[in-house]
């Protein structure tokens, strides 16, 4: 929100999509919980950004947040008990739930799909 008395405050929305805020919040929560360090996060994010650049991705906010998601997934796989297979299964379940959810209704996962 624009704050005329604070010239350093953002002049509009900071994130284009809710998932962008969520990926950074999840990374912060995982650092605070000790699953990985802020240094590991910085290294993983830097590697994901270099990978995006090497593959010709434009220097945009979308590229940045996609790289942040890639870094979070990489660290989750390497530093937690969340495997790449578990993550793929969860993504698939979310996609299925999204497609079966009527417009305007909240997307809900079926709890029996997961251990």
N, C-alpha and C. Protein backbone atom coordinates (compact mmCIF):
# COMPACT_ATOMS: atom_id res chain seq x y z
N UNK A 1 0.84 -1.17 0.00
CA UNK A 1 0.00 0.00 0.00
C UNK A 1 0.89 1.24 0.00
N UNK A 2 0.57 2.20 -0.85
CA UNK A 2 1.33 3.44 -0.94
C UNK A 2 1.14 4.25 0.34
N UNK A 3 2.26 4.69 0.88
CA UNK A 3 2.23 5.52 2.08
C UNK A 3 2.94 6.83 1.77
N UNK A 4 2.20 7.93 1.55
CA UNK A 4 2.82 9.18 1.13
C UNK A 4 3.85 9.70 2.12
N UNK A 5 3.73 9.36 3.40
CA UNK A 5 4.69 9.83 4.39
C UNK A 5 5.94 8.95 4.47
N UNK A 6 5.98 7.86 3.68
CA UNK A 6 7.13 6.96 3.69
C UNK A 6 7.58 6.73 2.24
N UNK A 7 8.58 7.47 1.78
CA UNK A 7 8.99 7.35 0.37
C UNK A 7 9.61 6.00 0.03
N UNK A 8 9.98 5.19 1.03
CA UNK A 8 10.56 3.89 0.76
C UNK A 8 9.52 2.77 0.72
N UNK A 9 8.29 3.08 1.07
CA UNK A 9 7.23 2.07 1.06
C UNK A 9 6.89 1.71 -0.39
N UNK A 10 6.50 0.46 -0.64
CA UNK A 10 6.10 0.07 -2.00
C UNK A 10 4.95 0.93 -2.50
N UNK A 11 4.96 1.23 -3.79
CA UNK A 11 3.93 2.09 -4.38
C UNK A 11 2.75 1.30 -4.93
N UNK A 12 2.80 0.02 -4.80
CA UNK A 12 1.71 -0.83 -5.28
C UNK A 12 1.91 -2.23 -4.74
N UNK A 13 1.18 -3.19 -5.28
CA UNK A 13 1.35 -4.56 -4.82
C UNK A 13 2.79 -5.03 -5.01
N UNK A 14 3.30 -5.73 -4.02
CA UNK A 14 4.67 -6.22 -4.09
C UNK A 14 4.73 -7.49 -4.93
N UNK A 15 3.68 -8.29 -4.89
CA UNK A 15 3.63 -9.56 -5.61
C UNK A 15 2.52 -9.52 -6.65
N UNK A 16 2.78 -10.13 -7.81
CA UNK A 16 1.76 -10.21 -8.85
C UNK A 16 0.74 -11.31 -8.55
N UNK A 17 1.19 -12.38 -7.89
CA UNK A 17 0.35 -13.54 -7.59
C UNK A 17 0.59 -13.99 -6.16
N UNK A 18 -0.43 -14.54 -5.50
CA UNK A 18 -0.25 -15.02 -4.12
C UNK A 18 0.87 -16.05 -3.98
N UNK A 19 1.04 -16.93 -4.98
CA UNK A 19 2.05 -17.98 -4.86
C UNK A 19 3.45 -17.38 -4.73
N UNK A 20 3.67 -16.20 -5.27
CA UNK A 20 4.99 -15.58 -5.18
C UNK A 20 5.31 -15.24 -3.72
N UNK A 21 4.36 -14.70 -3.02
CA UNK A 21 4.55 -14.41 -1.60
C UNK A 21 4.69 -15.70 -0.81
N UNK A 22 3.90 -16.69 -1.18
CA UNK A 22 3.91 -17.95 -0.45
C UNK A 22 5.24 -18.67 -0.56
N UNK A 23 5.86 -18.65 -1.74
CA UNK A 23 7.13 -19.37 -1.89
C UNK A 23 8.21 -18.72 -1.01
N UNK A 24 8.22 -17.40 -0.94
CA UNK A 24 9.21 -16.73 -0.07
C UNK A 24 8.89 -16.96 1.40
N UNK A 25 7.61 -16.96 1.74
CA UNK A 25 7.22 -17.22 3.13
C UNK A 25 7.58 -18.65 3.54
N UNK A 26 7.40 -19.60 2.64
CA UNK A 26 7.77 -20.99 2.94
C UNK A 26 9.27 -21.12 3.12
N UNK A 27 10.04 -20.46 2.27
CA UNK A 27 11.50 -20.51 2.41
C UNK A 27 11.92 -19.91 3.74
N UNK A 28 11.33 -18.78 4.10
CA UNK A 28 11.64 -18.15 5.38
C UNK A 28 11.28 -19.07 6.54
N UNK A 29 10.11 -19.69 6.47
CA UNK A 29 9.68 -20.59 7.54
C UNK A 29 10.62 -21.79 7.66
N UNK A 30 11.09 -22.29 6.54
CA UNK A 30 11.98 -23.45 6.58
C UNK A 30 13.36 -23.07 7.12
N UNK A 31 13.83 -21.86 6.81
CA UNK A 31 15.08 -21.38 7.39
C UNK A 31 14.91 -21.24 8.91
N UNK A 32 13.83 -20.59 9.32
CA UNK A 32 13.59 -20.38 10.76
C UNK A 32 13.44 -21.70 11.52
N UNK A 33 12.91 -22.71 10.85
CA UNK A 33 12.71 -24.02 11.48
C UNK A 33 13.99 -24.86 11.46
N UNK A 34 15.03 -24.35 10.79
CA UNK A 34 16.31 -25.05 10.77
C UNK A 34 16.43 -26.15 9.73
N UNK A 35 15.53 -26.18 8.76
CA UNK A 35 15.62 -27.21 7.72
C UNK A 35 16.78 -26.95 6.77
N UNK A 36 17.09 -25.67 6.56
CA UNK A 36 18.28 -25.26 5.82
C UNK A 36 18.61 -23.84 6.24
N UNK A 37 19.83 -23.43 5.95
CA UNK A 37 20.29 -22.11 6.40
C UNK A 37 19.99 -21.04 5.37
N UNK A 38 20.07 -19.80 5.80
CA UNK A 38 19.87 -18.69 4.86
C UNK A 38 20.97 -18.70 3.80
N UNK A 39 22.15 -19.15 4.16
CA UNK A 39 23.24 -19.28 3.19
C UNK A 39 22.92 -20.33 2.13
N UNK A 40 22.39 -21.45 2.57
CA UNK A 40 21.99 -22.49 1.61
C UNK A 40 20.89 -21.97 0.69
N UNK A 41 19.95 -21.20 1.26
CA UNK A 41 18.88 -20.61 0.45
C UNK A 41 19.48 -19.68 -0.60
N UNK A 42 20.40 -18.82 -0.20
CA UNK A 42 21.01 -17.88 -1.13
C UNK A 42 21.74 -18.61 -2.26
N UNK A 43 22.46 -19.65 -1.91
CA UNK A 43 23.20 -20.43 -2.92
C UNK A 43 22.23 -21.11 -3.88
N UNK A 44 21.18 -21.73 -3.35
CA UNK A 44 20.21 -22.43 -4.19
C UNK A 44 19.46 -21.45 -5.10
N UNK A 45 19.08 -20.30 -4.56
CA UNK A 45 18.38 -19.29 -5.36
C UNK A 45 19.30 -18.77 -6.46
N UNK A 46 20.54 -18.48 -6.12
CA UNK A 46 21.50 -18.02 -7.12
C UNK A 46 21.69 -19.04 -8.23
N UNK A 47 21.79 -20.31 -7.86
CA UNK A 47 21.95 -21.37 -8.86
C UNK A 47 20.73 -21.47 -9.76
N UNK A 48 19.54 -21.35 -9.17
CA UNK A 48 18.31 -21.41 -9.97
C UNK A 48 18.21 -20.22 -10.92
N UNK A 49 18.63 -19.05 -10.47
CA UNK A 49 18.60 -17.86 -11.34
C UNK A 49 19.62 -18.00 -12.48
N UNK A 50 20.81 -18.53 -12.17
CA UNK A 50 21.80 -18.76 -13.23
C UNK A 50 21.30 -19.79 -14.23
N UNK A 51 20.62 -20.82 -13.73
CA UNK A 51 20.05 -21.84 -14.60
C UNK A 51 19.00 -21.23 -15.52
N UNK A 52 18.14 -20.39 -14.98
CA UNK A 52 17.11 -19.73 -15.79
C UNK A 52 17.77 -18.87 -16.88
N UNK A 53 18.80 -18.12 -16.49
CA UNK A 53 19.49 -17.27 -17.46
C UNK A 53 20.15 -18.11 -18.55
N UNK A 54 20.78 -19.22 -18.15
CA UNK A 54 21.46 -20.10 -19.11
C UNK A 54 20.47 -20.71 -20.11
N UNK A 55 19.21 -20.84 -19.69
CA UNK A 55 18.19 -21.39 -20.58
C UNK A 55 17.40 -20.30 -21.30
N UNK A 56 17.89 -19.06 -21.24
CA UNK A 56 17.30 -17.97 -22.01
C UNK A 56 16.08 -17.31 -21.39
N UNK A 57 15.83 -17.56 -20.12
CA UNK A 57 14.68 -16.93 -19.47
C UNK A 57 14.91 -15.43 -19.38
N UNK A 58 13.87 -14.64 -19.60
CA UNK A 58 14.03 -13.18 -19.50
C UNK A 58 14.23 -12.76 -18.03
N UNK A 59 14.82 -11.62 -17.84
CA UNK A 59 15.05 -11.08 -16.49
C UNK A 59 13.78 -10.36 -16.04
N UNK A 60 12.83 -11.17 -15.51
CA UNK A 60 11.55 -10.64 -15.09
C UNK A 60 11.23 -11.12 -13.68
N UNK A 61 10.20 -10.53 -13.09
CA UNK A 61 9.75 -10.99 -11.78
C UNK A 61 9.27 -12.44 -11.85
N UNK A 62 8.59 -12.80 -12.92
CA UNK A 62 8.11 -14.18 -13.09
C UNK A 62 9.29 -15.16 -13.06
N UNK A 63 10.37 -14.81 -13.74
CA UNK A 63 11.56 -15.66 -13.74
C UNK A 63 12.14 -15.76 -12.34
N UNK A 64 12.19 -14.63 -11.62
CA UNK A 64 12.72 -14.63 -10.26
C UNK A 64 11.92 -15.56 -9.35
N UNK A 65 10.60 -15.42 -9.37
CA UNK A 65 9.78 -16.23 -8.46
C UNK A 65 9.76 -17.70 -8.88
N UNK A 66 9.84 -17.97 -10.17
CA UNK A 66 9.96 -19.36 -10.62
C UNK A 66 11.27 -19.96 -10.14
N UNK A 67 12.34 -19.16 -10.18
CA UNK A 67 13.63 -19.63 -9.67
C UNK A 67 13.57 -19.84 -8.15
N UNK A 68 12.85 -18.97 -7.45
CA UNK A 68 12.69 -19.14 -6.01
C UNK A 68 11.97 -20.45 -5.71
N UNK A 69 10.94 -20.76 -6.48
CA UNK A 69 10.23 -22.02 -6.30
C UNK A 69 11.15 -23.20 -6.59
N UNK A 70 11.92 -23.12 -7.66
CA UNK A 70 12.88 -24.18 -7.99
C UNK A 70 13.88 -24.37 -6.85
N UNK A 71 14.39 -23.28 -6.30
CA UNK A 71 15.35 -23.36 -5.20
C UNK A 71 14.71 -24.01 -3.97
N UNK A 72 13.48 -23.63 -3.67
CA UNK A 72 12.78 -24.21 -2.52
C UNK A 72 12.57 -25.71 -2.72
N UNK A 73 12.19 -26.11 -3.91
CA UNK A 73 11.99 -27.53 -4.19
C UNK A 73 13.31 -28.29 -4.11
N UNK A 74 14.38 -27.71 -4.61
CA UNK A 74 15.69 -28.35 -4.56
C UNK A 74 16.14 -28.55 -3.12
N UNK A 75 16.02 -27.51 -2.31
CA UNK A 75 16.42 -27.62 -0.91
C UNK A 75 15.50 -28.55 -0.13
N UNK A 76 14.23 -28.54 -0.43
CA UNK A 76 13.31 -29.45 0.24
C UNK A 76 13.71 -30.90 -0.02
N UNK A 77 14.06 -31.19 -1.25
CA UNK A 77 14.48 -32.54 -1.62
C UNK A 77 15.80 -32.91 -0.93
N UNK A 78 16.74 -31.97 -0.89
CA UNK A 78 18.06 -32.26 -0.35
C UNK A 78 18.14 -32.21 1.18
N UNK A 79 17.35 -31.35 1.80
CA UNK A 79 17.54 -31.09 3.23
C UNK A 79 16.38 -31.52 4.13
N UNK A 80 15.34 -32.09 3.56
CA UNK A 80 14.20 -32.52 4.37
C UNK A 80 13.83 -33.95 3.98
N UNK A 81 12.83 -34.47 4.61
CA UNK A 81 12.34 -35.80 4.26
C UNK A 81 11.34 -35.76 3.11
N UNK A 82 11.14 -34.59 2.53
CA UNK A 82 10.24 -34.44 1.38
C UNK A 82 11.03 -34.82 0.13
N UNK A 83 10.70 -35.95 -0.47
CA UNK A 83 11.42 -36.39 -1.65
C UNK A 83 10.85 -35.75 -2.91
N UNK A 84 11.61 -35.82 -3.98
CA UNK A 84 11.13 -35.31 -5.26
C UNK A 84 9.86 -36.05 -5.68
N UNK A 85 9.78 -37.34 -5.38
CA UNK A 85 8.60 -38.13 -5.72
C UNK A 85 7.39 -37.65 -4.91
N UNK A 86 7.61 -37.38 -3.61
CA UNK A 86 6.52 -36.86 -2.77
C UNK A 86 6.03 -35.52 -3.31
N UNK A 87 6.97 -34.68 -3.68
CA UNK A 87 6.61 -33.36 -4.21
C UNK A 87 5.83 -33.48 -5.51
N UNK A 88 6.28 -34.36 -6.39
CA UNK A 88 5.57 -34.57 -7.66
C UNK A 88 4.16 -35.09 -7.41
N UNK A 89 4.02 -36.01 -6.45
CA UNK A 89 2.70 -36.55 -6.11
C UNK A 89 1.78 -35.44 -5.59
N UNK A 90 2.32 -34.58 -4.74
CA UNK A 90 1.51 -33.49 -4.18
C UNK A 90 1.13 -32.49 -5.27
N UNK A 91 2.06 -32.17 -6.16
CA UNK A 91 1.73 -31.25 -7.27
C UNK A 91 0.62 -31.82 -8.13
N UNK A 92 0.70 -33.11 -8.41
CA UNK A 92 -0.32 -33.76 -9.23
C UNK A 92 -1.68 -33.71 -8.53
N UNK A 93 -1.68 -33.96 -7.23
CA UNK A 93 -2.93 -33.91 -6.47
C UNK A 93 -3.53 -32.50 -6.49
N UNK A 94 -2.68 -31.47 -6.36
CA UNK A 94 -3.17 -30.10 -6.42
C UNK A 94 -3.75 -29.79 -7.79
N UNK A 95 -3.07 -30.26 -8.83
CA UNK A 95 -3.56 -30.02 -10.19
C UNK A 95 -4.93 -30.69 -10.39
N UNK A 96 -5.07 -31.93 -9.94
CA UNK A 96 -6.35 -32.62 -10.05
C UNK A 96 -7.44 -31.87 -9.27
N UNK A 97 -7.10 -31.45 -8.06
CA UNK A 97 -8.07 -30.73 -7.23
C UNK A 97 -8.48 -29.42 -7.90
N UNK A 98 -7.51 -28.73 -8.48
CA UNK A 98 -7.80 -27.47 -9.17
C UNK A 98 -8.78 -27.69 -10.31
N UNK A 99 -8.54 -28.73 -11.10
CA UNK A 99 -9.39 -28.98 -12.27
C UNK A 99 -10.80 -29.42 -11.90
N UNK A 100 -10.99 -30.02 -10.75
CA UNK A 100 -12.33 -30.47 -10.37
C UNK A 100 -13.08 -29.44 -9.51
N UNK A 101 -12.41 -28.33 -9.18
CA UNK A 101 -13.02 -27.32 -8.32
C UNK A 101 -13.77 -26.29 -9.17
N UNK A 102 -15.04 -26.06 -8.85
CA UNK A 102 -15.80 -25.03 -9.58
C UNK A 102 -15.17 -23.65 -9.39
N UNK A 103 -15.28 -22.83 -10.40
CA UNK A 103 -14.74 -21.47 -10.36
C UNK A 103 -15.27 -20.72 -9.13
N UNK A 104 -14.36 -20.06 -8.44
CA UNK A 104 -14.75 -19.26 -7.29
C UNK A 104 -14.78 -20.02 -5.97
N UNK A 105 -14.61 -21.32 -6.03
CA UNK A 105 -14.60 -22.13 -4.82
C UNK A 105 -13.16 -22.43 -4.42
N UNK A 106 -12.90 -22.63 -3.13
CA UNK A 106 -11.54 -22.96 -2.71
C UNK A 106 -11.12 -24.36 -3.16
N UNK A 107 -9.87 -24.47 -3.53
CA UNK A 107 -9.31 -25.77 -3.93
C UNK A 107 -8.99 -26.55 -2.65
N UNK A 108 -9.46 -27.79 -2.60
CA UNK A 108 -9.26 -28.62 -1.41
C UNK A 108 -8.67 -29.96 -1.83
N UNK A 109 -7.59 -30.35 -1.16
CA UNK A 109 -7.00 -31.67 -1.40
C UNK A 109 -7.78 -32.72 -0.61
N UNK A 110 -7.84 -33.90 -1.16
CA UNK A 110 -8.45 -35.02 -0.45
C UNK A 110 -7.42 -35.55 0.54
N UNK A 111 -7.69 -35.52 1.85
CA UNK A 111 -6.69 -35.91 2.84
C UNK A 111 -6.27 -37.37 2.74
N UNK A 112 -7.11 -38.24 2.21
CA UNK A 112 -6.76 -39.66 2.12
C UNK A 112 -5.75 -39.94 1.02
N UNK A 113 -5.39 -38.96 0.21
CA UNK A 113 -4.42 -39.17 -0.86
C UNK A 113 -2.99 -39.22 -0.35
N UNK A 114 -2.77 -38.80 0.89
CA UNK A 114 -1.41 -38.69 1.39
C UNK A 114 -1.25 -39.46 2.69
N UNK A 115 -0.03 -39.92 2.86
CA UNK A 115 0.29 -40.72 4.05
C UNK A 115 0.23 -39.91 5.30
